Amino acid sequence: MLLIALFLSIFVIFFMLSMVANYFILGRNLKKTILVSLLMTIIAIFSHVSPMIMYQWFF
């Protein structure tokens, strides 16, 4: 349950922050902003999960 809460909070916070940043960086192109923000959020979630998986797998 805690892991689900962690993923949800990472997704919501990181997605919103990246939406705001990319909206201004990408010249107010909303479609590109959403796609880039989703990609960045998926990478952020993977970077939080992969150490836990690797630790369980190696040790």
N, C-alpha and C. Protein backbone atom coordinates (compact mmCIF):
# COMPACT_ATOMS: atom_id res chain seq x y z
N MET A 1 0.82 -1.19 0.00
CA MET A 1 0.00 0.00 0.00
C MET A 1 0.87 1.26 0.00
N LEU A 2 1.95 1.20 0.77
CA LEU A 2 2.85 2.34 0.82
C LEU A 2 3.51 2.57 -0.53
N LEU A 3 3.82 1.49 -1.22
CA LEU A 3 4.43 1.60 -2.54
C LEU A 3 3.49 2.27 -3.54
N ILE A 4 2.21 1.94 -3.46
CA ILE A 4 1.22 2.57 -4.35
C ILE A 4 1.12 4.06 -4.04
N ALA A 5 1.12 4.41 -2.77
CA ALA A 5 1.07 5.82 -2.38
C ALA A 5 2.32 6.55 -2.86
N LEU A 6 3.46 5.90 -2.80
CA LEU A 6 4.70 6.49 -3.29
C LEU A 6 4.62 6.76 -4.79
N PHE A 7 4.16 5.77 -5.56
CA PHE A 7 4.03 5.95 -7.00
C PHE A 7 3.05 7.06 -7.34
N LEU A 8 1.93 7.09 -6.64
CA LEU A 8 0.92 8.11 -6.92
C LEU A 8 1.45 9.50 -6.61
N SER A 9 2.15 9.65 -5.50
CA SER A 9 2.68 10.97 -5.15
C SER A 9 3.79 11.39 -6.11
N ILE A 10 4.63 10.45 -6.52
CA ILE A 10 5.66 10.77 -7.51
C ILE A 10 5.02 11.20 -8.81
N PHE A 11 4.01 10.45 -9.24
CA PHE A 11 3.36 10.76 -10.51
C PHE A 11 2.70 12.13 -10.47
N VAL A 12 1.93 12.41 -9.43
CA VAL A 12 1.19 13.67 -9.37
C VAL A 12 2.15 14.85 -9.25
N ILE A 13 3.06 14.79 -8.31
CA ILE A 13 3.96 15.93 -8.08
C ILE A 13 4.89 16.14 -9.26
N PHE A 14 5.55 15.08 -9.71
CA PHE A 14 6.52 15.24 -10.80
C PHE A 14 5.84 15.61 -12.10
N PHE A 15 4.66 15.03 -12.37
CA PHE A 15 3.95 15.34 -13.60
C PHE A 15 3.52 16.80 -13.61
N MET A 16 3.01 17.29 -12.51
CA MET A 16 2.57 18.70 -12.46
C MET A 16 3.75 19.66 -12.59
N LEU A 17 4.84 19.36 -11.90
CA LEU A 17 6.01 20.24 -12.00
C LEU A 17 6.60 20.23 -13.41
N SER A 18 6.67 19.06 -14.02
CA SER A 18 7.21 19.00 -15.37
C SER A 18 6.26 19.62 -16.39
N MET A 19 4.95 19.56 -16.13
CA MET A 19 3.99 20.22 -17.02
C MET A 19 4.22 21.73 -17.02
N VAL A 20 4.38 22.29 -15.84
CA VAL A 20 4.60 23.74 -15.75
C VAL A 20 5.90 24.14 -16.41
N ALA A 21 6.97 23.39 -16.13
CA ALA A 21 8.27 23.74 -16.71
C ALA A 21 8.27 23.57 -18.23
N ASN A 22 7.76 22.45 -18.70
CA ASN A 22 7.79 22.20 -20.14
C ASN A 22 6.83 23.09 -20.92
N TYR A 23 5.79 23.57 -20.27
CA TYR A 23 4.85 24.46 -20.95
C TYR A 23 5.57 25.73 -21.41
N PHE A 24 6.45 26.24 -20.57
CA PHE A 24 7.18 27.46 -20.94
C PHE A 24 8.40 27.15 -21.81
N ILE A 25 9.06 26.01 -21.57
CA ILE A 25 10.25 25.66 -22.34
C ILE A 25 9.88 25.34 -23.79
N LEU A 26 8.79 24.60 -23.99
CA LEU A 26 8.43 24.15 -25.33
C LEU A 26 7.56 25.16 -26.08
N GLY A 27 7.51 26.36 -25.61
CA GLY A 27 6.81 27.42 -26.34
C GLY A 27 5.30 27.26 -26.35
N ARG A 28 4.75 26.84 -25.22
CA ARG A 28 3.30 26.74 -25.05
C ARG A 28 2.63 25.79 -26.04
N ASN A 29 3.35 24.73 -26.40
CA ASN A 29 2.78 23.68 -27.23
C ASN A 29 2.27 22.59 -26.30
N LEU A 30 0.96 22.53 -26.11
CA LEU A 30 0.38 21.67 -25.08
C LEU A 30 0.55 20.18 -25.38
N LYS A 31 0.46 19.78 -26.64
CA LYS A 31 0.59 18.36 -26.97
C LYS A 31 2.00 17.85 -26.67
N LYS A 32 3.02 18.61 -27.08
CA LYS A 32 4.40 18.21 -26.78
C LYS A 32 4.65 18.25 -25.28
N THR A 33 4.06 19.22 -24.60
CA THR A 33 4.25 19.35 -23.16
C THR A 33 3.74 18.12 -22.43
N ILE A 34 2.57 17.65 -22.80
CA ILE A 34 2.00 16.47 -22.15
C ILE A 34 2.83 15.23 -22.44
N LEU A 35 3.26 15.06 -23.68
CA LEU A 35 4.06 13.88 -24.03
C LEU A 35 5.40 13.87 -23.31
N VAL A 36 6.08 15.00 -23.29
CA VAL A 36 7.38 15.07 -22.62
C VAL A 36 7.21 14.89 -21.11
N SER A 37 6.16 15.45 -20.54
CA SER A 37 5.93 15.30 -19.11
C SER A 37 5.62 13.86 -18.74
N LEU A 38 4.85 13.16 -19.56
CA LEU A 38 4.59 11.75 -19.31
C LEU A 38 5.86 10.92 -19.39
N LEU A 39 6.69 11.20 -20.38
CA LEU A 39 7.95 10.49 -20.52
C LEU A 39 8.85 10.73 -19.31
N MET A 40 8.96 11.97 -18.88
CA MET A 40 9.78 12.30 -17.72
C MET A 40 9.24 11.63 -16.46
N THR A 41 7.93 11.56 -16.33
CA THR A 41 7.32 10.94 -15.16
C THR A 41 7.58 9.44 -15.14
N ILE A 42 7.48 8.79 -16.29
CA ILE A 42 7.76 7.35 -16.37
C ILE A 42 9.22 7.08 -16.01
N ILE A 43 10.12 7.92 -16.49
CA ILE A 43 11.54 7.76 -16.16
C ILE A 43 11.76 7.97 -14.67
N ALA A 44 11.08 8.95 -14.07
CA ALA A 44 11.23 9.19 -12.63
C ALA A 44 10.73 8.02 -11.81
N ILE A 45 9.60 7.45 -12.19
CA ILE A 45 9.06 6.30 -11.46
C ILE A 45 10.01 5.10 -11.61
N PHE A 46 10.51 4.88 -12.82
CA PHE A 46 11.45 3.78 -13.03
C PHE A 46 12.72 3.96 -12.21
N SER A 47 13.21 5.20 -12.12
CA SER A 47 14.43 5.43 -11.35
C SER A 47 14.21 5.24 -9.85
N HIS A 48 12.97 5.35 -9.39
CA HIS A 48 12.69 5.07 -7.98
C HIS A 48 12.50 3.58 -7.73
N VAL A 49 12.00 2.86 -8.72
CA VAL A 49 11.69 1.44 -8.54
C VAL A 49 12.90 0.55 -8.82
N SER A 50 13.70 0.90 -9.80
CA SER A 50 14.80 0.03 -10.22
C SER A 50 15.80 -0.30 -9.11
N PRO A 51 16.19 0.63 -8.24
CA PRO A 51 17.11 0.23 -7.16
C PRO A 51 16.52 -0.82 -6.22
N MET A 52 15.22 -0.72 -5.93
CA MET A 52 14.58 -1.72 -5.06
C MET A 52 14.58 -3.09 -5.73
N ILE A 53 14.28 -3.13 -7.01
CA ILE A 53 14.25 -4.40 -7.74
C ILE A 53 15.66 -4.97 -7.86
N MET A 54 16.62 -4.13 -8.18
CA MET A 54 18.00 -4.59 -8.32
C MET A 54 18.54 -5.11 -6.99
N TYR A 55 18.21 -4.42 -5.91
CA TYR A 55 18.68 -4.86 -4.59
C TYR A 55 18.12 -6.23 -4.24
N GLN A 56 16.83 -6.44 -4.50
CA GLN A 56 16.23 -7.74 -4.20
C GLN A 56 16.78 -8.83 -5.12
N TRP A 57 17.09 -8.47 -6.34
CA TRP A 57 17.57 -9.45 -7.30
C TRP A 57 19.00 -9.88 -7.00
N PHE A 58 19.86 -8.90 -6.65
CA PHE A 58 21.27 -9.22 -6.40
C PHE A 58 21.51 -9.79 -5.01
N PHE A 59 20.73 -9.36 -4.03
CA PHE A 59 20.98 -9.82 -2.66
C PHE A 59 19.82 -10.66 -2.20
